[in-house]
Amino acid sequence: MSKVPVTSFDSVPTKHVGTPLRMKNNQLRRAMKIQDLTIEGMSCGHCVMHVKKELGKVNGLTIENVEIGKARVQYDETNVTPDQVSKAIEEAGYRLVSSSK
């Protein structure tokens, strides 16, 4: 039978419940808002490309999916406003009809 070395519990890292997780750049991770968008005026793949391009310019917003007439995005409400999302879609040449979640 081999002996297993005993270590002090003081040297074992612990995870505290409720402690915010940290991202690579050491910023605290916040709860992300997921929003489904309905977009008017899109009709082809080029439309999808234009919407992705403009949404990609919004700092702090993550694009989950863009299809003809709709998109799903994630963002931290402390850094990104719904108005910024709407303006990005308008910059692409389309209109945000509704958003949910």
N, C-alpha and C. Protein backbone atom coordinates (compact mmCIF):
# COMPACT_ATOMS: atom_id res chain seq x y z
N MET A 1 0.84 -1.17 0.00
CA MET A 1 0.00 0.00 0.00
C MET A 1 0.89 1.24 0.00
N SER A 2 0.68 2.14 -0.98
CA SER A 2 1.50 3.35 -1.03
C SER A 2 0.89 4.44 -0.17
N LYS A 3 1.77 5.27 0.36
CA LYS A 3 1.31 6.36 1.21
C LYS A 3 1.00 7.58 0.34
N VAL A 4 -0.12 8.20 0.61
CA VAL A 4 -0.51 9.41 -0.10
C VAL A 4 -0.08 10.60 0.74
N PRO A 5 0.64 11.56 0.14
CA PRO A 5 1.07 12.71 0.93
C PRO A 5 -0.13 13.52 1.43
N VAL A 6 -0.03 13.96 2.64
CA VAL A 6 -1.09 14.76 3.25
C VAL A 6 -0.75 16.23 3.02
N THR A 7 -1.75 16.98 2.57
CA THR A 7 -1.54 18.42 2.37
C THR A 7 -2.47 19.19 3.28
N SER A 8 -2.05 20.36 3.59
CA SER A 8 -2.86 21.23 4.43
C SER A 8 -4.01 21.80 3.62
N PHE A 9 -5.16 21.95 4.22
CA PHE A 9 -6.31 22.54 3.53
C PHE A 9 -6.07 24.01 3.22
N ASP A 10 -5.15 24.64 3.91
CA ASP A 10 -4.83 26.04 3.64
C ASP A 10 -4.22 26.23 2.26
N SER A 11 -3.59 25.20 1.73
CA SER A 11 -2.93 25.34 0.44
C SER A 11 -3.82 24.92 -0.73
N VAL A 12 -5.01 24.41 -0.42
CA VAL A 12 -5.92 23.97 -1.47
C VAL A 12 -6.80 25.14 -1.88
N PRO A 13 -6.79 25.51 -3.18
CA PRO A 13 -7.65 26.61 -3.61
C PRO A 13 -9.12 26.22 -3.49
N THR A 14 -9.92 27.16 -3.06
CA THR A 14 -11.35 26.90 -2.92
C THR A 14 -12.13 27.85 -3.80
N LYS A 15 -13.31 27.44 -4.14
CA LYS A 15 -14.21 28.27 -4.93
C LYS A 15 -15.34 28.71 -4.02
N HIS A 16 -15.47 29.99 -3.82
CA HIS A 16 -16.50 30.51 -2.94
C HIS A 16 -17.78 30.71 -3.73
N VAL A 17 -18.87 30.22 -3.20
CA VAL A 17 -20.17 30.39 -3.85
C VAL A 17 -20.52 31.87 -3.86
N GLY A 18 -20.97 32.36 -5.02
CA GLY A 18 -21.36 33.76 -5.12
C GLY A 18 -20.22 34.68 -5.53
N THR A 19 -19.01 34.17 -5.60
CA THR A 19 -17.89 35.00 -6.02
C THR A 19 -17.96 35.16 -7.54
N PRO A 20 -17.91 36.39 -8.05
CA PRO A 20 -17.98 36.58 -9.50
C PRO A 20 -16.80 35.92 -10.19
N LEU A 21 -17.05 35.36 -11.35
CA LEU A 21 -15.98 34.77 -12.14
C LEU A 21 -15.19 35.87 -12.82
N ARG A 22 -13.96 35.60 -13.14
CA ARG A 22 -13.13 36.59 -13.82
C ARG A 22 -12.82 36.13 -15.23
N MET A 23 -12.82 37.08 -16.15
CA MET A 23 -12.48 36.78 -17.53
C MET A 23 -10.98 36.88 -17.70
N LYS A 24 -10.48 36.58 -18.89
CA LYS A 24 -9.04 36.59 -19.15
C LYS A 24 -8.41 37.93 -18.84
N ASN A 25 -9.10 39.02 -19.15
CA ASN A 25 -8.52 40.34 -18.92
C ASN A 25 -8.78 40.82 -17.49
N ASN A 26 -9.17 39.90 -16.60
CA ASN A 26 -9.36 40.15 -15.18
C ASN A 26 -10.55 41.05 -14.86
N GLN A 27 -11.44 41.25 -15.81
CA GLN A 27 -12.66 42.00 -15.53
C GLN A 27 -13.70 41.03 -14.98
N LEU A 28 -14.58 41.53 -14.13
CA LEU A 28 -15.63 40.68 -13.59
C LEU A 28 -16.63 40.36 -14.69
N ARG A 29 -17.08 39.13 -14.71
CA ARG A 29 -18.09 38.72 -15.66
C ARG A 29 -19.46 39.11 -15.11
N ARG A 30 -20.27 39.76 -15.89
CA ARG A 30 -21.61 40.15 -15.47
C ARG A 30 -22.64 39.29 -16.20
N ALA A 31 -23.83 39.27 -15.68
CA ALA A 31 -24.91 38.55 -16.33
C ALA A 31 -25.19 39.21 -17.68
N MET A 32 -25.23 38.40 -18.70
CA MET A 32 -25.46 38.92 -20.05
C MET A 32 -26.94 38.82 -20.39
N LYS A 33 -27.45 39.87 -21.00
CA LYS A 33 -28.83 39.87 -21.46
C LYS A 33 -28.85 39.24 -22.86
N ILE A 34 -29.74 38.29 -23.07
CA ILE A 34 -29.93 37.69 -24.38
C ILE A 34 -31.17 38.33 -24.99
N GLN A 35 -31.05 38.79 -26.22
CA GLN A 35 -32.16 39.48 -26.86
C GLN A 35 -32.38 38.94 -28.27
N ASP A 36 -33.63 38.57 -28.56
CA ASP A 36 -34.03 38.16 -29.90
C ASP A 36 -34.58 39.39 -30.60
N LEU A 37 -34.07 39.66 -31.79
CA LEU A 37 -34.44 40.85 -32.55
C LEU A 37 -35.20 40.47 -33.80
N THR A 38 -36.25 41.22 -34.12
CA THR A 38 -36.95 41.07 -35.38
C THR A 38 -36.60 42.30 -36.21
N ILE A 39 -36.08 42.04 -37.42
CA ILE A 39 -35.54 43.11 -38.25
C ILE A 39 -36.31 43.18 -39.56
N GLU A 40 -36.74 44.38 -39.90
CA GLU A 40 -37.51 44.58 -41.13
C GLU A 40 -36.60 45.02 -42.28
N GLY A 41 -36.86 44.48 -43.47
CA GLY A 41 -36.16 44.91 -44.66
C GLY A 41 -35.08 43.98 -45.16
N MET A 42 -34.77 42.94 -44.43
CA MET A 42 -33.73 42.00 -44.84
C MET A 42 -34.32 40.99 -45.83
N SER A 43 -33.57 40.67 -46.90
CA SER A 43 -34.10 39.74 -47.89
C SER A 43 -33.08 38.75 -48.45
N CYS A 44 -31.80 38.90 -48.07
CA CYS A 44 -30.79 38.03 -48.68
C CYS A 44 -29.57 37.90 -47.77
N GLY A 45 -28.61 37.13 -48.24
CA GLY A 45 -27.38 36.92 -47.49
C GLY A 45 -26.56 38.19 -47.30
N HIS A 46 -26.63 39.10 -48.28
CA HIS A 46 -25.91 40.36 -48.13
C HIS A 46 -26.49 41.19 -46.99
N CYS A 47 -27.80 41.11 -46.82
CA CYS A 47 -28.45 41.81 -45.71
C CYS A 47 -27.92 41.28 -44.38
N VAL A 48 -27.82 39.96 -44.28
CA VAL A 48 -27.29 39.32 -43.08
C VAL A 48 -25.88 39.81 -42.80
N MET A 49 -25.06 39.87 -43.85
CA MET A 49 -23.68 40.31 -43.72
C MET A 49 -23.61 41.76 -43.20
N HIS A 50 -24.46 42.64 -43.74
CA HIS A 50 -24.45 44.05 -43.32
C HIS A 50 -24.87 44.20 -41.86
N VAL A 51 -25.87 43.45 -41.44
CA VAL A 51 -26.32 43.51 -40.05
C VAL A 51 -25.23 42.99 -39.12
N LYS A 52 -24.60 41.87 -39.47
CA LYS A 52 -23.51 41.32 -38.66
C LYS A 52 -22.38 42.34 -38.53
N LYS A 53 -22.05 42.98 -39.63
CA LYS A 53 -20.95 43.95 -39.63
C LYS A 53 -21.24 45.10 -38.67
N GLU A 54 -22.44 45.66 -38.73
CA GLU A 54 -22.78 46.81 -37.87
C GLU A 54 -22.94 46.40 -36.42
N LEU A 55 -23.57 45.26 -36.15
CA LEU A 55 -23.69 44.80 -34.77
C LEU A 55 -22.31 44.50 -34.19
N GLY A 56 -21.41 44.01 -35.03
CA GLY A 56 -20.05 43.70 -34.59
C GLY A 56 -19.27 44.93 -34.14
N LYS A 57 -19.71 46.10 -34.54
CA LYS A 57 -19.05 47.35 -34.15
C LYS A 57 -19.45 47.81 -32.75
N VAL A 58 -20.51 47.22 -32.19
CA VAL A 58 -20.99 47.63 -30.86
C VAL A 58 -20.12 46.93 -29.82
N ASN A 59 -19.31 47.72 -29.13
CA ASN A 59 -18.41 47.19 -28.12
C ASN A 59 -19.20 46.60 -26.95
N GLY A 60 -18.92 45.35 -26.62
CA GLY A 60 -19.60 44.69 -25.51
C GLY A 60 -20.78 43.83 -25.93
N LEU A 61 -21.07 43.77 -27.22
CA LEU A 61 -22.18 42.97 -27.73
C LEU A 61 -21.63 41.74 -28.42
N THR A 62 -22.23 40.58 -28.17
CA THR A 62 -21.85 39.34 -28.81
C THR A 62 -22.99 38.90 -29.72
N ILE A 63 -22.68 38.62 -30.96
CA ILE A 63 -23.68 38.16 -31.92
C ILE A 63 -23.76 36.65 -31.83
N GLU A 64 -24.92 36.14 -31.48
CA GLU A 64 -25.09 34.68 -31.43
C GLU A 64 -25.51 34.16 -32.80
N ASN A 65 -26.42 34.89 -33.47
CA ASN A 65 -26.94 34.42 -34.75
C ASN A 65 -27.60 35.58 -35.49
N VAL A 66 -27.43 35.62 -36.80
CA VAL A 66 -28.17 36.56 -37.65
C VAL A 66 -28.69 35.78 -38.84
N GLU A 67 -29.99 35.88 -39.07
CA GLU A 67 -30.65 35.27 -40.22
C GLU A 67 -31.50 36.34 -40.88
N ILE A 68 -32.05 36.03 -42.04
CA ILE A 68 -32.91 37.00 -42.72
C ILE A 68 -34.10 37.31 -41.81
N GLY A 69 -34.21 38.57 -41.43
CA GLY A 69 -35.33 39.04 -40.62
C GLY A 69 -35.19 38.89 -39.12
N LYS A 70 -34.09 38.30 -38.65
CA LYS A 70 -33.96 38.15 -37.19
C LYS A 70 -32.51 37.99 -36.78
N ALA A 71 -32.29 38.25 -35.50
CA ALA A 71 -30.96 38.09 -34.92
C ALA A 71 -31.10 37.79 -33.44
N ARG A 72 -30.06 37.18 -32.88
CA ARG A 72 -29.99 36.96 -31.44
C ARG A 72 -28.64 37.48 -30.99
N VAL A 73 -28.67 38.35 -29.98
CA VAL A 73 -27.45 38.95 -29.46
C VAL A 73 -27.40 38.82 -27.95
N GLN A 74 -26.21 38.97 -27.40
CA GLN A 74 -25.99 38.99 -25.94
C GLN A 74 -25.20 40.23 -25.60
N TYR A 75 -25.55 40.86 -24.49
CA TYR A 75 -24.77 42.01 -24.06
C TYR A 75 -24.99 42.30 -22.59
N ASP A 76 -24.05 43.02 -22.02
CA ASP A 76 -24.11 43.46 -20.63
C ASP A 76 -24.83 44.80 -20.64
N GLU A 77 -25.95 44.88 -19.97
CA GLU A 77 -26.77 46.10 -19.98
C GLU A 77 -26.08 47.31 -19.35
N THR A 78 -25.01 47.07 -18.60
CA THR A 78 -24.29 48.22 -18.03
C THR A 78 -23.38 48.87 -19.06
N ASN A 79 -23.10 48.17 -20.18
CA ASN A 79 -22.21 48.70 -21.21
C ASN A 79 -22.91 48.98 -22.54
N VAL A 80 -23.99 48.28 -22.82
CA VAL A 80 -24.69 48.40 -24.11
C VAL A 80 -26.15 48.71 -23.84
N THR A 81 -26.70 49.66 -24.58
CA THR A 81 -28.11 50.01 -24.44
C THR A 81 -28.91 49.46 -25.62
N PRO A 82 -30.21 49.24 -25.44
CA PRO A 82 -31.05 48.82 -26.56
C PRO A 82 -31.01 49.83 -27.71
N ASP A 83 -30.83 51.10 -27.39
CA ASP A 83 -30.74 52.13 -28.42
C ASP A 83 -29.51 51.93 -29.30
N GLN A 84 -28.40 51.51 -28.72
CA GLN A 84 -27.18 51.23 -29.49
C GLN A 84 -27.42 50.07 -30.46
N VAL A 85 -28.15 49.07 -30.01
CA VAL A 85 -28.46 47.92 -30.86
C VAL A 85 -29.33 48.37 -32.03
N SER A 86 -30.35 49.15 -31.73
CA SER A 86 -31.26 49.65 -32.75
C SER A 86 -30.52 50.52 -33.77
N LYS A 87 -29.65 51.40 -33.28
CA LYS A 87 -28.89 52.28 -34.18
C LYS A 87 -27.94 51.48 -35.08
N ALA A 88 -27.36 50.42 -34.58
CA ALA A 88 -26.47 49.59 -35.40
C ALA A 88 -27.26 48.96 -36.55
N ILE A 89 -28.47 48.50 -36.26
CA ILE A 89 -29.30 47.90 -37.31
C ILE A 89 -29.70 48.96 -38.33
N GLU A 90 -30.01 50.16 -37.86
CA GLU A 90 -30.33 51.27 -38.77
C GLU A 90 -29.13 51.62 -39.64
N GLU A 91 -27.92 51.58 -39.07
CA GLU A 91 -26.70 51.87 -39.84
C GLU A 91 -26.52 50.86 -40.96
N ALA A 92 -26.99 49.64 -40.74
CA ALA A 92 -26.90 48.61 -41.76
C ALA A 92 -27.95 48.82 -42.86
N GLY A 93 -28.93 49.68 -42.58
CA GLY A 93 -29.96 49.97 -43.58
C GLY A 93 -31.30 49.31 -43.32
N TYR A 94 -31.51 48.83 -42.11
CA TYR A 94 -32.73 48.09 -41.78
C TYR A 94 -33.38 48.70 -40.54
N ARG A 95 -34.52 48.13 -40.16
CA ARG A 95 -35.27 48.68 -39.02
C ARG A 95 -35.55 47.59 -38.00
N LEU A 96 -35.27 47.89 -36.74
CA LEU A 96 -35.59 46.97 -35.66
C LEU A 96 -37.08 47.08 -35.38
N VAL A 97 -37.81 45.99 -35.57
CA VAL A 97 -39.26 45.98 -35.38
C VAL A 97 -39.60 45.66 -33.93
N SER A 98 -38.94 44.64 -33.38
CA SER A 98 -39.19 44.27 -31.99
C SER A 98 -38.00 43.53 -31.42
N SER A 99 -37.98 43.49 -30.11
CA SER A 99 -36.95 42.72 -29.40
C SER A 99 -37.60 42.06 -28.21
N SER A 100 -37.11 40.87 -27.86
CA SER A 100 -37.71 40.14 -26.74
C SER A 100 -36.65 39.48 -25.90
N LYS A 101 -37.06 39.05 -24.73
CA LYS A 101 -36.29 38.35 -23.69
C LYS A 101 -35.70 39.30 -22.78
